Structure formats: C-alpha cells, structure tokens
C-alpha cells in the first residue's frame, strides 16, 4: 500500500481472514506465502486486504480492484 507495488493473487486462493494464500510480488519478482488477517470493503468498490508476510515478518495492506 505504501510502496504502490503491484501483487497478483493466483486463482484458486481463498481470500478470507485466517487463510494462507500465495501472492506474486512484482516488486521482488517472487511468489510469497502470506496469511490473510482481514478483508474490508473499500470506498472504491473493491476491498482492502490486510496480510501478514511470513518472509519479511511485516503486515501489508493490499488494495484490490
């Protein structure tokens, strides 16, 4: 969210709180396993997804269209 970098969530991943999903981070060029912490509707009609990145040990917010 802060970096503005794009990520892709592969089809078949269930984006719900408590679920582990795999994302592709275009900034690093790597696939990463993350845990979905929360999913909230955003004012733009999409959703804000808060995740915990196991690799970096940081929480991130994804803005989904």
PDB file of N, CA and C in Angstrom:
ATOM      1  N   UNK A   1       0.840  -1.189   0.000  1.00  0.00           N
ATOM      2  CA  UNK A   1       0.000   0.000   0.000  1.00  0.00           C
ATOM      3  C   UNK A   1       0.877   1.242   0.000  1.00  0.00           C
ATOM      4  N   UNK A   2       1.882   1.227   0.871  1.00  0.00           N
ATOM      5  CA  UNK A   2       2.789   2.380   0.957  1.00  0.00           C
ATOM      6  C   UNK A   2       3.703   2.465  -0.250  1.00  0.00           C
ATOM      7  N   UNK A   3       4.109   1.314  -0.770  1.00  0.00           N
ATOM      8  CA  UNK A   3       5.054   1.316  -1.880  1.00  0.00           C
ATOM      9  C   UNK A   3       4.359   1.492  -3.223  1.00  0.00           C
ATOM     10  N   UNK A   4       3.074   1.152  -3.290  1.00  0.00           N
ATOM     11  CA  UNK A   4       2.359   1.246  -4.549  1.00  0.00           C
ATOM     12  C   UNK A   4       2.694   0.122  -5.500  1.00  0.00           C
ATOM     13  N   UNK A   5       3.453  -0.885  -5.037  1.00  0.00           N
ATOM     14  CA  UNK A   5       3.826  -2.016  -5.865  1.00  0.00           C
ATOM     15  C   UNK A   5       2.646  -2.940  -6.108  1.00  0.00           C
ATOM     16  N   UNK A   6       2.651  -3.591  -7.246  1.00  0.00           N
ATOM     17  CA  UNK A   6       1.556  -4.487  -7.605  1.00  0.00           C
ATOM     18  C   UNK A   6       1.846  -5.912  -7.170  1.00  0.00           C
ATOM     19  N   UNK A   7       0.800  -6.607  -6.766  1.00  0.00           N
ATOM     20  CA  UNK A   7       0.879  -8.031  -6.475  1.00  0.00           C
ATOM     21  C   UNK A   7      -0.271  -8.718  -7.193  1.00  0.00           C
ATOM     22  N   UNK A   8      -0.123 -10.010  -7.411  1.00  0.00           N
ATOM     23  CA  UNK A   8      -1.173 -10.789  -8.047  1.00  0.00           C
ATOM     24  C   UNK A   8      -1.501 -11.974  -7.166  1.00  0.00           C
ATOM     25  N   UNK A   9      -2.796 -12.204  -6.978  1.00  0.00           N
ATOM     26  CA  UNK A   9      -3.254 -13.368  -6.229  1.00  0.00           C
ATOM     27  C   UNK A   9      -3.747 -14.371  -7.258  1.00  0.00           C
ATOM     28  N   UNK A  10      -3.118 -15.523  -7.280  1.00  0.00           N
ATOM     29  CA  UNK A  10      -3.470 -16.544  -8.251  1.00  0.00           C
ATOM     30  C   UNK A  10      -4.895 -17.047  -8.021  1.00  0.00           C
ATOM     31  N   UNK A  11      -5.564 -17.452  -9.077  1.00  0.00           N
ATOM     32  CA  UNK A  11      -6.913 -18.004  -8.929  1.00  0.00           C
ATOM     33  C   UNK A  11      -6.829 -19.278  -8.097  1.00  0.00           C
ATOM     34  N   UNK A  12      -7.893 -19.550  -7.364  1.00  0.00           N
ATOM     35  CA  UNK A  12      -7.916 -20.724  -6.507  1.00  0.00           C
ATOM     36  C   UNK A  12      -7.560 -20.415  -5.066  1.00  0.00           C
ATOM     37  N   UNK A  13      -7.019 -19.219  -4.808  1.00  0.00           N
ATOM     38  CA  UNK A  13      -6.705 -18.811  -3.446  1.00  0.00           C
ATOM     39  C   UNK A  13      -7.957 -18.234  -2.794  1.00  0.00           C
ATOM     40  N   UNK A  14      -8.294 -18.702  -1.610  1.00  0.00           N
ATOM     41  CA  UNK A  14      -9.455 -18.226  -0.878  1.00  0.00           C
ATOM     42  C   UNK A  14      -9.034 -17.045  -0.016  1.00  0.00           C
ATOM     43  N   UNK A  15      -9.470 -15.849  -0.378  1.00  0.00           N
ATOM     44  CA  UNK A  15      -9.047 -14.628   0.313  1.00  0.00           C
ATOM     45  C   UNK A  15     -10.046 -14.346   1.436  1.00  0.00           C
ATOM     46  N   UNK A  16      -9.790 -14.985   2.575  1.00  0.00           N
ATOM     47  CA  UNK A  16     -10.615 -14.811   3.772  1.00  0.00           C
ATOM     48  C   UNK A  16      -9.694 -14.781   4.983  1.00  0.00           C
ATOM     49  N   UNK A  17     -10.129 -14.067   6.026  1.00  0.00           N
ATOM     50  CA  UNK A  17      -9.327 -13.971   7.253  1.00  0.00           C
ATOM     51  C   UNK A  17      -8.980 -15.366   7.763  1.00  0.00           C
ATOM     52  N   UNK A  18      -7.705 -15.538   8.121  1.00  0.00           N
ATOM     53  CA  UNK A  18      -7.224 -16.805   8.650  1.00  0.00           C
ATOM     54  C   UNK A  18      -6.668 -17.753   7.605  1.00  0.00           C
ATOM     55  N   UNK A  19      -6.897 -17.463   6.329  1.00  0.00           N
ATOM     56  CA  UNK A  19      -6.426 -18.325   5.248  1.00  0.00           C
ATOM     57  C   UNK A  19      -5.002 -17.946   4.837  1.00  0.00           C
ATOM     58  N   UNK A  20      -4.229 -18.938   4.430  1.00  0.00           N
ATOM     59  CA  UNK A  20      -2.899 -18.707   3.878  1.00  0.00           C
ATOM     60  C   UNK A  20      -3.034 -18.728   2.360  1.00  0.00           C
ATOM     61  N   UNK A  21      -2.481 -17.715   1.703  1.00  0.00           N
ATOM     62  CA  UNK A  21      -2.543 -17.633   0.246  1.00  0.00           C
ATOM     63  C   UNK A  21      -1.145 -17.365  -0.299  1.00  0.00           C
ATOM     64  N   UNK A  22      -0.995 -17.574  -1.591  1.00  0.00           N
ATOM     65  CA  UNK A  22       0.260 -17.276  -2.268  1.00  0.00           C
ATOM     66  C   UNK A  22       0.038 -16.069  -3.165  1.00  0.00           C
ATOM     67  N   UNK A  23       0.935 -15.099  -3.066  1.00  0.00           N
ATOM     68  CA  UNK A  23       0.859 -13.926  -3.934  1.00  0.00           C
ATOM     69  C   UNK A  23       2.139 -13.838  -4.752  1.00  0.00           C
ATOM     70  N   UNK A  24       2.039 -13.201  -5.902  1.00  0.00           N
ATOM     71  CA  UNK A  24       3.222 -12.886  -6.699  1.00  0.00           C
ATOM     72  C   UNK A  24       3.467 -11.396  -6.544  1.00  0.00           C
ATOM     73  N   UNK A  25       4.632 -11.041  -6.040  1.00  0.00           N
ATOM     74  CA  UNK A  25       5.004  -9.646  -5.809  1.00  0.00           C
ATOM     75  C   UNK A  25       5.864  -9.173  -6.978  1.00  0.00           C
ATOM     76  N   UNK A  26       5.312  -8.277  -7.783  1.00  0.00           N
ATOM     77  CA  UNK A  26       6.033  -7.798  -8.955  1.00  0.00           C
ATOM     78  C   UNK A  26       7.277  -7.000  -8.586  1.00  0.00           C
ATOM     79  N   UNK A  27       7.299  -6.391  -7.402  1.00  0.00           N
ATOM     80  CA  UNK A  27       8.465  -5.608  -6.978  1.00  0.00           C
ATOM     81  C   UNK A  27       9.680  -6.497  -6.741  1.00  0.00           C
ATOM     82  N   UNK A  28       9.445  -7.696  -6.191  1.00  0.00           N
ATOM     83  CA  UNK A  28      10.561  -8.607  -5.897  1.00  0.00           C
ATOM     84  C   UNK A  28      10.719  -9.685  -6.956  1.00  0.00           C
ATOM     85  N   UNK A  29       9.652  -9.898  -7.757  1.00  0.00           N
ATOM     86  CA  UNK A  29       9.694 -10.954  -8.766  1.00  0.00           C
ATOM     87  C   UNK A  29       9.592 -12.340  -8.164  1.00  0.00           C
ATOM     88  N   UNK A  30       8.981 -12.438  -6.960  1.00  0.00           N
ATOM     89  CA  UNK A  30       8.907 -13.718  -6.272  1.00  0.00           C
ATOM     90  C   UNK A  30       7.488 -14.029  -5.808  1.00  0.00           C
ATOM     91  N   UNK A  31       7.223 -15.317  -5.672  1.00  0.00           N
ATOM     92  CA  UNK A  31       5.994 -15.774  -5.030  1.00  0.00           C
ATOM     93  C   UNK A  31       6.242 -15.797  -3.530  1.00  0.00           C
ATOM     94  N   UNK A  32       5.228 -15.418  -2.755  1.00  0.00           N
ATOM     95  CA  UNK A  32       5.349 -15.344  -1.300  1.00  0.00           C
ATOM     96  C   UNK A  32       4.085 -15.890  -0.655  1.00  0.00           C
ATOM     97  N   UNK A  33       4.268 -16.685   0.408  1.00  0.00           N
ATOM     98  CA  UNK A  33       3.126 -17.144   1.190  1.00  0.00           C
ATOM     99  C   UNK A  33       2.817 -16.113   2.253  1.00  0.00           C
ATOM    100  N   UNK A  34       1.538 -15.762   2.356  1.00  0.00           N
ATOM    101  CA  UNK A  34       1.095 -14.765   3.334  1.00  0.00           C
ATOM    102  C   UNK A  34      -0.170 -15.278   4.018  1.00  0.00           C
ATOM    103  N   UNK A  35      -0.486 -14.708   5.181  1.00  0.00           N
ATOM    104  CA  UNK A  35      -1.724 -15.036   5.875  1.00  0.00           C
ATOM    105  C   UNK A  35      -2.660 -13.842   5.807  1.00  0.00           C
ATOM    106  N   UNK A  36      -3.906 -14.083   5.434  1.00  0.00           N
ATOM    107  CA  UNK A  36      -4.904 -13.021   5.368  1.00  0.00           C
ATOM    108  C   UNK A  36      -5.369 -12.710   6.788  1.00  0.00           C
ATOM    109  N   UNK A  37      -5.178 -11.460   7.211  1.00  0.00           N
ATOM    110  CA  UNK A  37      -5.575 -11.027   8.542  1.00  0.00           C
ATOM    111  C   UNK A  37      -7.002 -10.489   8.547  1.00  0.00           C
ATOM    112  N   UNK A  38      -7.347  -9.686   7.535  1.00  0.00           N
ATOM    113  CA  UNK A  38      -8.701  -9.132   7.452  1.00  0.00           C
ATOM    114  C   UNK A  38      -9.004  -8.717   6.025  1.00  0.00           C
ATOM    115  N   UNK A  39     -10.299  -8.665   5.716  1.00  0.00           N
ATOM    116  CA  UNK A  39     -10.785  -8.207   4.419  1.00  0.00           C
ATOM    117  C   UNK A  39     -11.902  -7.213   4.698  1.00  0.00           C
ATOM    118  N   UNK A  40     -11.764  -5.990   4.163  1.00  0.00           N
ATOM    119  CA  UNK A  40     -12.769  -4.944   4.378  1.00  0.00           C
ATOM    120  C   UNK A  40     -13.134  -4.330   3.035  1.00  0.00           C
ATOM    121  N   UNK A  41     -14.397  -3.995   2.876  1.00  0.00           N
ATOM    122  CA  UNK A  41     -14.834  -3.290   1.672  1.00  0.00           C
ATOM    123  C   UNK A  41     -14.204  -1.903   1.650  1.00  0.00           C
ATOM    124  N   UNK A  42     -13.774  -1.459   0.474  1.00  0.00           N
ATOM    125  CA  UNK A  42     -13.191  -0.120   0.354  1.00  0.00           C
ATOM    126  C   UNK A  42     -14.180   0.814  -0.331  1.00  0.00           C
ATOM    127  N   UNK A  43     -13.938   2.095  -0.207  1.00  0.00           N
ATOM    128  CA  UNK A  43     -14.837   3.098  -0.799  1.00  0.00           C
ATOM    129  C   UNK A  43     -14.806   3.069  -2.325  1.00  0.00           C
ATOM    130  N   UNK A  44     -13.759   2.478  -2.907  1.00  0.00           N
ATOM    131  CA  UNK A  44     -13.649   2.411  -4.367  1.00  0.00           C
ATOM    132  C   UNK A  44     -14.436   1.260  -4.967  1.00  0.00           C
ATOM    133  N   UNK A  45     -15.103   0.471  -4.106  1.00  0.00           N
ATOM    134  CA  UNK A  45     -15.883  -0.647  -4.604  1.00  0.00           C
ATOM    135  C   UNK A  45     -15.130  -1.964  -4.582  1.00  0.00           C
ATOM    136  N   UNK A  46     -13.864  -1.932  -4.274  1.00  0.00           N
ATOM    137  CA  UNK A  46     -13.063  -3.145  -4.177  1.00  0.00           C
ATOM    138  C   UNK A  46     -12.970  -3.600  -2.736  1.00  0.00           C
ATOM    139  N   UNK A  47     -11.783  -4.006  -2.333  1.00  0.00           N
ATOM    140  CA  UNK A  47     -11.573  -4.450  -0.961  1.00  0.00           C
ATOM    141  C   UNK A  47     -10.155  -4.124  -0.527  1.00  0.00           C
ATOM    142  N   UNK A  48      -9.992  -3.896   0.772  1.00  0.00           N
ATOM    143  CA  UNK A  48      -8.671  -3.754   1.373  1.00  0.00           C
ATOM    144  C   UNK A  48      -8.392  -5.049   2.116  1.00  0.00           C
ATOM    145  N   UNK A  49      -7.268  -5.670   1.801  1.00  0.00           N
ATOM    146  CA  UNK A  49      -6.904  -6.938   2.405  1.00  0.00           C
ATOM    147  C   UNK A  49      -5.630  -6.729   3.210  1.00  0.00           C
ATOM    148  N   UNK A  50      -5.716  -6.950   4.513  1.00  0.00           N
ATOM    149  CA  UNK A  50      -4.524  -6.870   5.352  1.00  0.00           C
ATOM    150  C   UNK A  50      -3.927  -8.264   5.438  1.00  0.00           C
ATOM    151  N   UNK A  51      -2.625  -8.361   5.157  1.00  0.00           N
ATOM    152  CA  UNK A  51      -1.943  -9.651   5.167  1.00  0.00           C
ATOM    153  C   UNK A  51      -0.721  -9.596   6.069  1.00  0.00           C
ATOM    154  N   UNK A  52      -0.289 -10.773   6.508  1.00  0.00           N
ATOM    155  CA  UNK A  52       0.981 -10.903   7.222  1.00  0.00           C
ATOM    156  C   UNK A  52       1.923 -11.658   6.301  1.00  0.00           C
ATOM    157  N   UNK A  53       3.049 -11.034   5.975  1.00  0.00           N
ATOM    158  CA  UNK A  53       4.047 -11.601   5.077  1.00  0.00           C
ATOM    159  C   UNK A  53       5.045 -12.399   5.904  1.00  0.00           C
ATOM    160  N   UNK A  54       5.020 -13.724   5.773  1.00  0.00           N
ATOM    161  CA  UNK A  54       5.923 -14.583   6.543  1.00  0.00           C
ATOM    162  C   UNK A  54       7.391 -14.305   6.248  1.00  0.00           C
ATOM    163  N   UNK A  55       7.698 -13.979   4.998  1.00  0.00           N
ATOM    164  CA  UNK A  55       9.086 -13.783   4.575  1.00  0.00           C
ATOM    165  C   UNK A  55       9.716 -12.542   5.220  1.00  0.00           C
ATOM    166  N   UNK A  56       8.954 -11.441   5.282  1.00  0.00           N
ATOM    167  CA  UNK A  56       9.505 -10.198   5.828  1.00  0.00           C
ATOM    168  C   UNK A  56       9.129  -9.975   7.287  1.00  0.00           C
ATOM    169  N   UNK A  57       8.102 -10.712   7.769  1.00  0.00           N
ATOM    170  CA  UNK A  57       7.633 -10.516   9.137  1.00  0.00           C
ATOM    171  C   UNK A  57       6.845  -9.230   9.313  1.00  0.00           C
ATOM    172  N   UNK A  58       6.306  -8.700   8.211  1.00  0.00           N
ATOM    173  CA  UNK A  58       5.583  -7.430   8.256  1.00  0.00           C
ATOM    174  C   UNK A  58       4.134  -7.605   7.820  1.00  0.00           C
ATOM    175  N   UNK A  59       3.295  -6.698   8.296  1.00  0.00           N
ATOM    176  CA  UNK A  59       1.914  -6.621   7.847  1.00  0.00           C
ATOM    177  C   UNK A  59       1.864  -5.693   6.650  1.00  0.00           C
ATOM    178  N   UNK A  60       1.024  -6.033   5.681  1.00  0.00           N
ATOM    179  CA  UNK A  60       0.869  -5.219   4.475  1.00  0.00           C
ATOM    180  C   UNK A  60      -0.611  -5.076   4.179  1.00  0.00           C
ATOM    181  N   UNK A  61      -0.985  -3.995   3.533  1.00  0.00           N
ATOM    182  CA  UNK A  61      -2.363  -3.789   3.106  1.00  0.00           C
ATOM    183  C   UNK A  61      -2.402  -3.772   1.593  1.00  0.00           C
ATOM    184  N   UNK A  62      -3.250  -4.635   1.024  1.00  0.00           N
ATOM    185  CA  UNK A  62      -3.426  -4.711  -0.418  1.00  0.00           C
ATOM    186  C   UNK A  62      -4.757  -4.070  -0.786  1.00  0.00           C
ATOM    187  N   UNK A  63      -4.767  -3.261  -1.821  1.00  0.00           N
ATOM    188  CA  UNK A  63      -5.995  -2.623  -2.310  1.00  0.00           C
ATOM    189  C   UNK A  63      -6.416  -3.388  -3.556  1.00  0.00           C
ATOM    190  N   UNK A  64      -7.512  -4.136  -3.425  1.00  0.00           N
ATOM    191  CA  UNK A  64      -7.972  -4.973  -4.552  1.00  0.00           C
ATOM    192  C   UNK A  64      -9.052  -4.239  -5.336  1.00  0.00           C
ATOM    193  N   UNK A  65      -8.959  -4.340  -6.653  1.00  0.00           N
ATOM    194  CA  UNK A  65      -9.954  -3.742  -7.541  1.00  0.00           C
ATOM    195  C   UNK A  65     -11.142  -4.650  -7.693  1.00  0.00           C
TER     196      UNK A  65
END
